[in-house]
PDB file of N, CA and C in Angstrom:
ATOM      1  N   MET A   1      50.081  -4.349 -49.074  1.00  0.00           N
ATOM      2  CA  MET A   1      50.845  -4.296 -47.649  1.00  0.00           C
ATOM      3  C   MET A   1      50.455  -4.149 -46.369  1.00  0.00           C
ATOM      4  N   LYS A   2      50.207  -3.177 -46.166  1.00  0.00           N
ATOM      5  CA  LYS A   2      49.619  -1.523 -44.869  1.00  0.00           C
ATOM      6  C   LYS A   2      48.686  -1.731 -45.066  1.00  0.00           C
ATOM      7  N   LYS A   3      47.972  -1.894 -46.280  1.00  0.00           N
ATOM      8  CA  LYS A   3      46.109  -1.379 -45.712  1.00  0.00           C
ATOM      9  C   LYS A   3      46.121  -3.044 -45.447  1.00  0.00           C
ATOM     10  N   ASN A   4      46.422  -3.957 -45.425  1.00  0.00           N
ATOM     11  CA  ASN A   4      46.134  -5.593 -44.585  1.00  0.00           C
ATOM     12  C   ASN A   4      46.376  -5.537 -43.690  1.00  0.00           C
ATOM     13  N   VAL A   5      48.173  -5.061 -42.753  1.00  0.00           N
ATOM     14  CA  VAL A   5      48.156  -4.899 -41.629  1.00  0.00           C
ATOM     15  C   VAL A   5      47.244  -3.890 -40.918  1.00  0.00           C
ATOM     16  N   LEU A   6      47.019  -2.548 -41.398  1.00  0.00           N
ATOM     17  CA  LEU A   6      45.977  -1.494 -40.654  1.00  0.00           C
ATOM     18  C   LEU A   6      44.990  -2.499 -40.851  1.00  0.00           C
ATOM     19  N   ILE A   7      43.795  -3.139 -41.152  1.00  0.00           N
ATOM     20  CA  ILE A   7      42.826  -4.031 -41.354  1.00  0.00           C
ATOM     21  C   ILE A   7      43.092  -4.770 -40.193  1.00  0.00           C
ATOM     22  N   LYS A   8      44.223  -6.223 -40.034  1.00  0.00           N
ATOM     23  CA  LYS A   8      44.444  -6.798 -38.855  1.00  0.00           C
ATOM     24  C   LYS A   8      44.143  -6.207 -37.867  1.00  0.00           C
ATOM     25  N   GLY A   9      45.170  -5.106 -37.812  1.00  0.00           N
ATOM     26  CA  GLY A   9      45.679  -4.548 -36.324  1.00  0.00           C
ATOM     27  C   GLY A   9      43.646  -4.027 -35.948  1.00  0.00           C
ATOM     28  N   ILE A  10      42.761  -3.441 -37.440  1.00  0.00           N
ATOM     29  CA  ILE A  10      41.416  -3.165 -36.290  1.00  0.00           C
ATOM     30  C   ILE A  10      40.896  -4.425 -35.858  1.00  0.00           C
ATOM     31  N   LEU A  11      40.694  -4.895 -36.586  1.00  0.00           N
ATOM     32  CA  LEU A  11      40.338  -6.215 -36.122  1.00  0.00           C
ATOM     33  C   LEU A  11      40.623  -7.130 -34.914  1.00  0.00           C
ATOM     34  N   VAL A  12      41.731  -6.811 -34.778  1.00  0.00           N
ATOM     35  CA  VAL A  12      42.052  -7.372 -33.144  1.00  0.00           C
ATOM     36  C   VAL A  12      41.923  -6.491 -32.708  1.00  0.00           C
ATOM     37  N   LEU A  13      41.978  -4.902 -32.409  1.00  0.00           N
ATOM     38  CA  LEU A  13      40.997  -4.100 -31.446  1.00  0.00           C
ATOM     39  C   LEU A  13      39.851  -4.481 -31.137  1.00  0.00           C
ATOM     40  N   VAL A  14      39.048  -4.851 -32.389  1.00  0.00           N
ATOM     41  CA  VAL A  14      37.319  -4.911 -31.972  1.00  0.00           C
ATOM     42  C   VAL A  14      37.295  -6.173 -31.335  1.00  0.00           C
ATOM     43  N   VAL A  15      38.430  -7.445 -31.462  1.00  0.00           N
ATOM     44  CA  VAL A  15      38.049  -8.546 -30.866  1.00  0.00           C
ATOM     45  C   VAL A  15      38.033  -8.454 -30.047  1.00  0.00           C
ATOM     46  N   ILE A  16      39.649  -7.393 -29.200  1.00  0.00           N
ATOM     47  CA  ILE A  16      40.016  -6.887 -27.666  1.00  0.00           C
ATOM     48  C   ILE A  16      38.778  -6.089 -27.044  1.00  0.00           C
ATOM     49  N   ALA A  17      38.303  -6.069 -27.868  1.00  0.00           N
ATOM     50  CA  ALA A  17      36.686  -4.555 -27.663  1.00  0.00           C
ATOM     51  C   ALA A  17      35.616  -5.878 -26.442  1.00  0.00           C
ATOM     52  N   LEU A  18      35.224  -7.186 -27.789  1.00  0.00           N
ATOM     53  CA  LEU A  18      34.442  -7.064 -27.564  1.00  0.00           C
ATOM     54  C   LEU A  18      34.229  -8.764 -26.799  1.00  0.00           C
ATOM     55  N   LEU A  19      35.365  -8.844 -26.886  1.00  0.00           N
ATOM     56  CA  LEU A  19      35.595  -9.968 -25.613  1.00  0.00           C
ATOM     57  C   LEU A  19      35.752  -9.460 -23.862  1.00  0.00           C
ATOM     58  N   THR A  20      36.213  -7.825 -24.154  1.00  0.00           N
ATOM     59  CA  THR A  20      36.288  -7.322 -22.925  1.00  0.00           C
ATOM     60  C   THR A  20      34.733  -7.497 -22.239  1.00  0.00           C
ATOM     61  N   ILE A  21      34.173  -6.971 -22.838  1.00  0.00           N
ATOM     62  CA  ILE A  21      32.713  -6.653 -22.198  1.00  0.00           C
ATOM     63  C   ILE A  21      31.680  -8.020 -22.444  1.00  0.00           C
ATOM     64  N   GLY A  22      32.705  -8.653 -22.919  1.00  0.00           N
ATOM     65  CA  GLY A  22      31.484 -10.531 -23.061  1.00  0.00           C
ATOM     66  C   GLY A  22      31.942 -10.503 -21.467  1.00  0.00           C
ATOM     67  N   PHE A  23      33.593 -10.925 -21.051  1.00  0.00           N
ATOM     68  CA  PHE A  23      33.893 -10.829 -20.131  1.00  0.00           C
ATOM     69  C   PHE A  23      33.448 -10.032 -18.761  1.00  0.00           C
ATOM     70  N   VAL A  24      33.226  -9.037 -18.668  1.00  0.00           N
ATOM     71  CA  VAL A  24      33.164  -8.175 -18.183  1.00  0.00           C
ATOM     72  C   VAL A  24      31.804  -7.769 -17.340  1.00  0.00           C
ATOM     73  N   GLY A  25      30.952  -7.562 -18.402  1.00  0.00           N
ATOM     74  CA  GLY A  25      29.967  -7.793 -18.589  1.00  0.00           C
ATOM     75  C   GLY A  25      29.043  -5.785 -18.093  1.00  0.00           C
ATOM     76  N   CYS A  26      27.866  -6.054 -17.535  1.00  0.00           N
ATOM     77  CA  CYS A  26      27.356  -4.197 -17.401  1.00  0.00           C
ATOM     78  C   CYS A  26      27.188  -4.064 -16.142  1.00  0.00           C
ATOM     79  N   ILE A  27      27.616  -2.805 -15.741  1.00  0.00           N
ATOM     80  CA  ILE A  27      27.805  -2.839 -13.966  1.00  0.00           C
ATOM     81  C   ILE A  27      26.296  -2.398 -13.769  1.00  0.00           C
ATOM     82  N   PRO A  28      25.225  -3.418 -12.936  1.00  0.00           N
ATOM     83  CA  PRO A  28      24.035  -3.280 -12.374  1.00  0.00           C
ATOM     84  C   PRO A  28      23.874  -1.800 -12.045  1.00  0.00           C
ATOM     85  N   THR A  29      22.836  -0.413 -11.919  1.00  0.00           N
ATOM     86  CA  THR A  29      23.472   0.543 -11.668  1.00  0.00           C
ATOM     87  C   THR A  29      21.531   0.821 -11.299  1.00  0.00           C
ATOM     88  N   THR A  30      20.764   0.053 -11.273  1.00  0.00           N
ATOM     89  CA  THR A  30      18.844  -0.326 -10.250  1.00  0.00           C
ATOM     90  C   THR A  30      18.910  -0.920  -9.119  1.00  0.00           C
ATOM     91  N   GLY A  31      18.192  -1.174  -8.630  1.00  0.00           N
ATOM     92  CA  GLY A  31      18.094  -1.959  -7.548  1.00  0.00           C
ATOM     93  C   GLY A  31      16.600  -2.409  -7.993  1.00  0.00           C
ATOM     94  N   THR A  32      15.475  -3.606  -7.092  1.00  0.00           N
ATOM     95  CA  THR A  32      14.069  -3.540  -6.493  1.00  0.00           C
ATOM     96  C   THR A  32      13.967  -3.264  -5.503  1.00  0.00           C
ATOM     97  N   VAL A  33      12.850  -2.391  -5.735  1.00  0.00           N
ATOM     98  CA  VAL A  33      12.766  -2.550  -3.490  1.00  0.00           C
ATOM     99  C   VAL A  33      11.086  -3.106  -3.568  1.00  0.00           C
ATOM    100  N   TYR A  34      10.843  -3.555  -2.757  1.00  0.00           N
ATOM    101  CA  TYR A  34       9.848  -4.028  -2.085  1.00  0.00           C
ATOM    102  C   TYR A  34       9.612  -3.024  -0.631  1.00  0.00           C
ATOM    103  N   ILE A  35       8.942  -2.306  -0.829  1.00  0.00           N
ATOM    104  CA  ILE A  35       7.780  -1.531   0.261  1.00  0.00           C
ATOM    105  C   ILE A  35       7.249  -1.709   1.345  1.00  0.00           C
ATOM    106  N   SER A  36       7.137  -2.220   2.110  1.00  0.00           N
ATOM    107  CA  SER A  36       6.224  -3.266   3.007  1.00  0.00           C
ATOM    108  C   SER A  36       6.315  -1.781   4.333  1.00  0.00           C
ATOM    109  N   ILE A  37       4.773  -1.875   4.373  1.00  0.00           N
ATOM    110  CA  ILE A  37       3.992  -0.788   6.184  1.00  0.00           C
ATOM    111  C   ILE A  37       4.293  -1.400   6.850  1.00  0.00           C
ATOM    112  N   ALA A  38       4.804  -1.653   7.989  1.00  0.00           N
ATOM    113  CA  ALA A  38       5.615  -2.945   9.417  1.00  0.00           C
ATOM    114  C   ALA A  38       4.304  -2.172   9.906  1.00  0.00           C
ATOM    115  N   ASN A  39       3.405  -1.351  11.169  1.00  0.00           N
ATOM    116  CA  ASN A  39       2.797  -1.535  12.106  1.00  0.00           C
ATOM    117  C   ASN A  39       1.010  -1.159  11.369  1.00  0.00           C
ATOM    118  N   ASP A  40       0.258  -0.866   9.763  1.00  0.00           N
ATOM    119  CA  ASP A  40      -0.909  -1.091   9.128  1.00  0.00           C
ATOM    120  C   ASP A  40      -0.688  -1.904   8.101  1.00  0.00           C
ATOM    121  N   ASN A  41      -2.369  -2.420   8.360  1.00  0.00           N
ATOM    122  CA  ASN A  41      -1.850  -2.539   6.738  1.00  0.00           C
ATOM    123  C   ASN A  41      -3.478  -1.719   6.039  1.00  0.00           C
ATOM    124  N   TRP A  42      -3.133  -0.877   4.814  1.00  0.00           N
ATOM    125  CA  TRP A  42      -3.659  -0.214   4.802  1.00  0.00           C
ATOM    126  C   TRP A  42      -2.576   0.301   3.510  1.00  0.00           C
ATOM    127  N   TRP A  43      -3.872   1.342   2.637  1.00  0.00           N
ATOM    128  CA  TRP A  43      -3.277   1.725   1.408  1.00  0.00           C
ATOM    129  C   TRP A  43      -1.875   3.216   1.895  1.00  0.00           C
ATOM    130  N   TYR A  44      -1.240   3.005   1.195  1.00  0.00           N
ATOM    131  CA  TYR A  44      -0.288   4.062   1.652  1.00  0.00           C
ATOM    132  C   TYR A  44       0.805   4.909   0.023  1.00  0.00           C
ATOM    133  N   ASN A  45       0.439   5.903   0.141  1.00  0.00           N
ATOM    134  CA  ASN A  45       1.311   6.243  -0.783  1.00  0.00           C
ATOM    135  C   ASN A  45       2.466   7.002  -0.898  1.00  0.00           C
ATOM    136  N   ILE A  46       3.252   6.448  -1.722  1.00  0.00           N
ATOM    137  CA  ILE A  46       5.287   6.396  -1.457  1.00  0.00           C
ATOM    138  C   ILE A  46       5.967   7.218  -2.736  1.00  0.00           C
ATOM    139  N   TYR A  47       6.277   7.258  -1.919  1.00  0.00           N
ATOM    140  CA  TYR A  47       7.130   8.989  -2.214  1.00  0.00           C
ATOM    141  C   TYR A  47       8.474   8.115  -1.855  1.00  0.00           C
ATOM    142  N   ILE A  48      10.112   8.210  -3.430  1.00  0.00           N
ATOM    143  CA  ILE A  48      11.352   8.320  -2.757  1.00  0.00           C
ATOM    144  C   ILE A  48      11.710   9.384  -3.448  1.00  0.00           C
ATOM    145  N   GLY A  49      11.815  10.348  -2.127  1.00  0.00           N
ATOM    146  CA  GLY A  49      12.894  11.564  -2.783  1.00  0.00           C
ATOM    147  C   GLY A  49      11.796  13.136  -3.164  1.00  0.00           C
ATOM    148  N   GLY A  50      10.660  12.317  -2.261  1.00  0.00           N
ATOM    149  CA  GLY A  50       9.765  13.369  -2.630  1.00  0.00           C
ATOM    150  C   GLY A  50       8.557  12.909  -4.052  1.00  0.00           C
ATOM    151  N   VAL A  51       9.490  12.158  -4.564  1.00  0.00           N
ATOM    152  CA  VAL A  51       8.770  11.752  -6.077  1.00  0.00           C
ATOM    153  C   VAL A  51       7.517  10.793  -6.330  1.00  0.00           C
ATOM    154  N   PHE A  52       6.462  10.535  -6.857  1.00  0.00           N
ATOM    155  CA  PHE A  52       5.393   9.552  -6.175  1.00  0.00           C
ATOM    156  C   PHE A  52       5.690   8.502  -6.934  1.00  0.00           C
ATOM    157  N   GLN A  53       5.827   7.505  -6.022  1.00  0.00           N
ATOM    158  CA  GLN A  53       5.633   6.427  -7.112  1.00  0.00           C
ATOM    159  C   GLN A  53       4.778   4.940  -7.429  1.00  0.00           C
ATOM    160  N   GLY A  54       3.710   4.929  -6.503  1.00  0.00           N
ATOM    161  CA  GLY A  54       3.082   4.912  -6.321  1.00  0.00           C
ATOM    162  C   GLY A  54       2.270   4.075  -5.098  1.00  0.00           C
ATOM    163  N   GLN A  55       1.625   3.546  -4.931  1.00  0.00           N
ATOM    164  CA  GLN A  55       0.149   3.293  -4.134  1.00  0.00           C
ATOM    165  C   GLN A  55       0.478   1.533  -3.603  1.00  0.00           C
ATOM    166  N   THR A  56       1.269   1.732  -2.020  1.00  0.00           N
ATOM    167  CA  THR A  56       0.665   0.227  -1.331  1.00  0.00           C
ATOM    168  C   THR A  56      -0.841  -0.065  -1.709  1.00  0.00           C
ATOM    169  N   ASN A  57      -0.729  -2.265  -1.735  1.00  0.00           N
ATOM    170  CA  ASN A  57      -1.853  -2.433  -1.943  1.00  0.00           C
ATOM    171  C   ASN A  57      -2.737  -2.651  -0.468  1.00  0.00           C
ATOM    172  N   ALA A  58      -4.067  -2.862  -0.060  1.00  0.00           N
ATOM    173  CA  ALA A  58      -4.483  -3.716   1.046  1.00  0.00           C
ATOM    174  C   ALA A  58      -3.510  -4.090   2.431  1.00  0.00           C
ATOM    175  N   ALA A  59      -2.512  -4.323   1.962  1.00  0.00           N
ATOM    176  CA  ALA A  59      -1.621  -5.674   2.722  1.00  0.00           C
ATOM    177  C   ALA A  59      -0.654  -4.433   3.458  1.00  0.00           C
ATOM    178  N   GLY A  60      -0.453  -3.278   2.789  1.00  0.00           N
ATOM    179  CA  GLY A  60       0.713  -1.988   2.808  1.00  0.00           C
ATOM    180  C   GLY A  60       1.943  -2.107   2.061  1.00  0.00           C
ATOM    181  N   ASN A  61       2.009  -3.379   0.848  1.00  0.00           N
ATOM    182  CA  ASN A  61       3.190  -3.792   0.402  1.00  0.00           C
ATOM    183  C   ASN A  61       2.974  -3.119  -1.365  1.00  0.00           C
ATOM    184  N   LEU A  62       4.746  -2.938  -1.499  1.00  0.00           N
ATOM    185  CA  LEU A  62       3.890  -2.322  -2.671  1.00  0.00           C
ATOM    186  C   LEU A  62       5.854  -2.516  -3.350  1.00  0.00           C
ATOM    187  N   THR A  63       6.377  -3.252  -4.903  1.00  0.00           N
ATOM    188  CA  THR A  63       7.166  -3.208  -4.849  1.00  0.00           C
ATOM    189  C   THR A  63       7.693  -1.980  -6.075  1.00  0.00           C
ATOM    190  N   ILE A  64       8.799  -1.581  -6.708  1.00  0.00           N
ATOM    191  CA  ILE A  64       9.104  -0.198  -7.051  1.00  0.00           C
ATOM    192  C   ILE A  64      11.166  -1.050  -8.569  1.00  0.00           C
ATOM    193  N   TYR A  65      10.280  -1.225  -9.143  1.00  0.00           N
ATOM    194  CA  TYR A  65      11.670  -1.525  -9.933  1.00  0.00           C
ATOM    195  C   TYR A  65      12.526  -0.151 -10.431  1.00  0.00           C
ATOM    196  N   ASN A  66      14.053  -0.923 -11.104  1.00  0.00           N
ATOM    197  CA  ASN A  66      14.977   0.312 -11.416  1.00  0.00           C
ATOM    198  C   ASN A  66      15.251   1.439 -10.398  1.00  0.00           C
ATOM    199  N   VAL A  67      14.808   1.458  -8.944  1.00  0.00           N
ATOM    200  CA  VAL A  67      15.540   2.400  -8.478  1.00  0.00           C
ATOM    201  C   VAL A  67      17.024   2.251  -8.135  1.00  0.00           C
ATOM    202  N   PRO A  68      17.474   3.660  -9.020  1.00  0.00           N
ATOM    203  CA  PRO A  68      19.189   4.166  -8.423  1.00  0.00           C
ATOM    204  C   PRO A  68      20.114   3.422  -7.569  1.00  0.00           C
ATOM    205  N   ILE A  69      20.945   3.031  -8.052  1.00  0.00           N
ATOM    206  CA  ILE A  69      21.673   3.078  -6.637  1.00  0.00           C
ATOM    207  C   ILE A  69      21.845   4.098  -5.683  1.00  0.00           C
ATOM    208  N   GLY A  70      22.055   4.241  -4.421  1.00  0.00           N
ATOM    209  CA  GLY A  70      22.107   4.768  -4.015  1.00  0.00           C
ATOM    210  C   GLY A  70      21.777   5.420  -2.442  1.00  0.00           C
ATOM    211  N   ASN A  71      21.196   5.866  -1.683  1.00  0.00           N
ATOM    212  CA  ASN A  71      21.317   5.996  -0.489  1.00  0.00           C
ATOM    213  C   ASN A  71      19.707   6.720  -0.834  1.00  0.00           C
ATOM    214  N   HIS A  72      18.576   6.382   0.064  1.00  0.00           N
ATOM    215  CA  HIS A  72      17.085   7.017  -1.191  1.00  0.00           C
ATOM    216  C   HIS A  72      16.300   7.516   0.364  1.00  0.00           C
ATOM    217  N   TYR A  73      15.682   8.390   0.685  1.00  0.00           N
ATOM    218  CA  TYR A  73      14.875   9.067   1.817  1.00  0.00           C
ATOM    219  C   TYR A  73      13.002   8.957   1.490  1.00  0.00           C
ATOM    220  N   PHE A  74      12.485   7.338   1.879  1.00  0.00           N
ATOM    221  CA  PHE A  74      11.198   7.287   1.468  1.00  0.00           C
ATOM    222  C   PHE A  74      10.421   7.496   2.200  1.00  0.00           C
ATOM    223  N   GLN A  75       9.279   8.180   1.841  1.00  0.00           N
ATOM    224  CA  GLN A  75       7.475   8.410   2.820  1.00  0.00           C
ATOM    225  C   GLN A  75       6.901   7.967   1.689  1.00  0.00           C
ATOM    226  N   ALA A  76       5.876   7.512   3.201  1.00  0.00           N
ATOM    227  CA  ALA A  76       4.669   6.600   3.522  1.00  0.00           C
ATOM    228  C   ALA A  76       4.145   8.043   4.446  1.00  0.00           C
ATOM    229  N   TYR A  77       2.364   8.532   2.814  1.00  0.00           N
ATOM    230  CA  TYR A  77       1.751   8.362   3.796  1.00  0.00           C
ATOM    231  C   TYR A  77       0.503   8.100   3.309  1.00  0.00           C
ATOM    232  N   ASP A  78      -0.813   8.030   4.854  1.00  0.00           N
ATOM    233  CA  ASP A  78      -1.664   7.832   4.781  1.00  0.00           C
ATOM    234  C   ASP A  78      -3.012   7.386   3.780  1.00  0.00           C
ATOM    235  N   THR A  79      -3.199   6.761   2.936  1.00  0.00           N
ATOM    236  CA  THR A  79      -4.653   8.111   2.089  1.00  0.00           C
ATOM    237  C   THR A  79      -5.583   8.626   2.813  1.00  0.00           C
ATOM    238  N   SER A  80      -6.056   7.179   4.096  1.00  0.00           N
ATOM    239  CA  SER A  80      -7.743   8.317   4.712  1.00  0.00           C
ATOM    240  C   SER A  80      -7.434   9.270   5.228  1.00  0.00           C
ATOM    241  N   TRP A  81      -8.991   9.806   6.436  1.00  0.00           N
ATOM    242  CA  TRP A  81      -8.703  10.412   7.498  1.00  0.00           C
ATOM    243  C   TRP A  81      -7.488  10.675   8.629  1.00  0.00           C
ATOM    244  N   TRP A  82      -6.760   9.591   8.819  1.00  0.00           N
ATOM    245  CA  TRP A  82      -5.961   9.714   9.309  1.00  0.00           C
ATOM    246  C   TRP A  82      -4.533  10.338   9.704  1.00  0.00           C
ATOM    247  N   ASN A  83      -4.304  10.017   8.936  1.00  0.00           N
ATOM    248  CA  ASN A  83      -3.005  11.370   8.418  1.00  0.00           C
ATOM    249  C   ASN A  83      -1.734  10.457   9.218  1.00  0.00           C
ATOM    250  N   LEU A  84      -2.201   9.440   8.383  1.00  0.00           N
ATOM    251  CA  LEU A  84      -0.636   8.828   9.457  1.00  0.00           C
ATOM    252  C   LEU A  84       0.145   9.013   8.667  1.00  0.00           C
ATOM    253  N   TYR A  85       1.833   8.200   9.051  1.00  0.00           N
ATOM    254  CA  TYR A  85       3.330   8.826   8.125  1.00  0.00           C
ATOM    255  C   TYR A  85       4.019   8.757   8.678  1.00  0.00           C
ATOM    256  N   GLY A  86       5.783   7.883   7.198  1.00  0.00           N
ATOM    257  CA  GLY A  86       5.659   7.340   7.716  1.00  0.00           C
ATOM    258  C   GLY A  86       7.521   7.576   7.009  1.00  0.00           C
ATOM    259  N   SER A  87       8.757   7.470   7.710  1.00  0.00           N
ATOM    260  CA  SER A  87       9.480   7.913   6.349  1.00  0.00           C
ATOM    261  C   SER A  87      10.886   7.056   6.812  1.00  0.00           C
ATOM    262  N   LYS A  88      11.982   7.238   6.017  1.00  0.00           N
ATOM    263  CA  LYS A  88      13.741   6.394   6.380  1.00  0.00           C
ATOM    264  C   LYS A  88      13.570   6.357   5.364  1.00  0.00           C
ATOM    265  N   TRP A  89      15.102   6.928   5.672  1.00  0.00           N
ATOM    266  CA  TRP A  89      16.663   7.019   4.763  1.00  0.00           C
ATOM    267  C   TRP A  89      16.943   5.853   4.775  1.00  0.00           C
ATOM    268  N   GLN A  90      17.542   4.917   3.830  1.00  0.00           N
ATOM    269  CA  GLN A  90      18.025   3.947   3.406  1.00  0.00           C
ATOM    270  C   GLN A  90      19.442   3.325   1.807  1.00  0.00           C
ATOM    271  N   TYR A  91      19.849   2.819   1.731  1.00  0.00           N
ATOM    272  CA  TYR A  91      20.522   2.925   1.517  1.00  0.00           C
ATOM    273  C   TYR A  91      20.816   1.461   0.415  1.00  0.00           C
ATOM    274  N   ILE A  92      20.107   2.194  -1.174  1.00  0.00           N
ATOM    275  CA  ILE A  92      19.202   1.024  -2.407  1.00  0.00           C
ATOM    276  C   ILE A  92      20.692   0.460  -2.792  1.00  0.00           C
ATOM    277  N   ASN A  93      21.055  -1.270  -2.683  1.00  0.00           N
ATOM    278  CA  ASN A  93      21.332  -2.231  -3.645  1.00  0.00           C
ATOM    279  C   ASN A  93      21.437  -2.679  -4.740  1.00  0.00           C
ATOM    280  N   TYR A  94      22.210  -2.966  -5.592  1.00  0.00           N
ATOM    281  CA  TYR A  94      21.509  -4.000  -6.964  1.00  0.00           C
ATOM    282  C   TYR A  94      20.727  -4.778  -6.751  1.00  0.00           C
ATOM    283  N   GLY A  95      19.939  -5.503  -6.993  1.00  0.00           N
ATOM    284  CA  GLY A  95      19.447  -6.407  -6.942  1.00  0.00           C
ATOM    285  C   GLY A  95      18.419  -6.252  -5.613  1.00  0.00           C
ATOM    286  N   SER A  96      18.046  -7.139  -4.788  1.00  0.00           N
ATOM    287  CA  SER A  96      16.334  -6.894  -4.444  1.00  0.00           C
ATOM    288  C   SER A  96      16.742  -6.806  -2.698  1.00  0.00           C
ATOM    289  N   ASN A  97      15.694  -5.426  -2.871  1.00  0.00           N
ATOM    290  CA  ASN A  97      15.650  -4.301  -0.796  1.00  0.00           C
ATOM    291  C   ASN A  97      14.757  -3.982  -0.639  1.00  0.00           C
ATOM    292  N   THR A  98      14.653  -4.633   0.822  1.00  0.00           N
ATOM    293  CA  THR A  98      13.815  -4.322   1.423  1.00  0.00           C
ATOM    294  C   THR A  98      13.299  -3.002   2.759  1.00  0.00           C
ATOM    295  N   VAL A  99      12.309  -2.329   1.853  1.00  0.00           N
ATOM    296  CA  VAL A  99      11.937  -1.280   3.032  1.00  0.00           C
ATOM    297  C   VAL A  99      11.096  -1.445   3.676  1.00  0.00           C
ATOM    298  N   THR A 100      11.327  -0.817   4.674  1.00  0.00           N
ATOM    299  CA  THR A 100      10.127  -0.965   5.633  1.00  0.00           C
ATOM    300  C   THR A 100      10.281  -0.710   6.784  1.00  0.00           C
ATOM    301  N   ILE A 101       8.511   0.231   6.659  1.00  0.00           N
ATOM    302  CA  ILE A 101       8.130   1.664   6.917  1.00  0.00           C
ATOM    303  C   ILE A 101       7.267   1.914   7.876  1.00  0.00           C
ATOM    304  N   TRP A 102       7.756   2.713   9.348  1.00  0.00           N
ATOM    305  CA  TRP A 102       6.423   2.053  10.348  1.00  0.00           C
ATOM    306  C   TRP A 102       5.973   4.050  10.330  1.00  0.00           C
ATOM    307  N   VAL A 103       4.727   3.516  10.438  1.00  0.00           N
ATOM    308  CA  VAL A 103       3.948   4.614  10.396  1.00  0.00           C
ATOM    309  C   VAL A 103       3.387   5.140  11.743  1.00  0.00           C
ATOM    310  N   TYR A 104       3.442   6.850  11.411  1.00  0.00           N
ATOM    311  CA  TYR A 104       3.042   6.638  12.975  1.00  0.00           C
ATOM    312  C   TYR A 104       1.522   8.332  13.367  1.00  0.00           C
TER     313      TYR A 104
END
């Protein structure tokens, strides 16, 4: 008898836990960042917090996935001999984020 009560209690807890996870869902912790160089069409190396993320296309655009939510420092370095540079602080939310960087 006590064994049945214990098993039923455990089953109730498991069902409650699964329903809680199902109704609440997971909280997103990353966002997608669309980098755009505002005033130039060229290839730029893009860094977030000093870590290389990739190179823009010739139009100055790059998409970066799974960027953690929070404030980030974006840097764009020209790949030519002009040595153009731009940087920007921006808060990244979950979902889509556009970061426009002006280079000089």
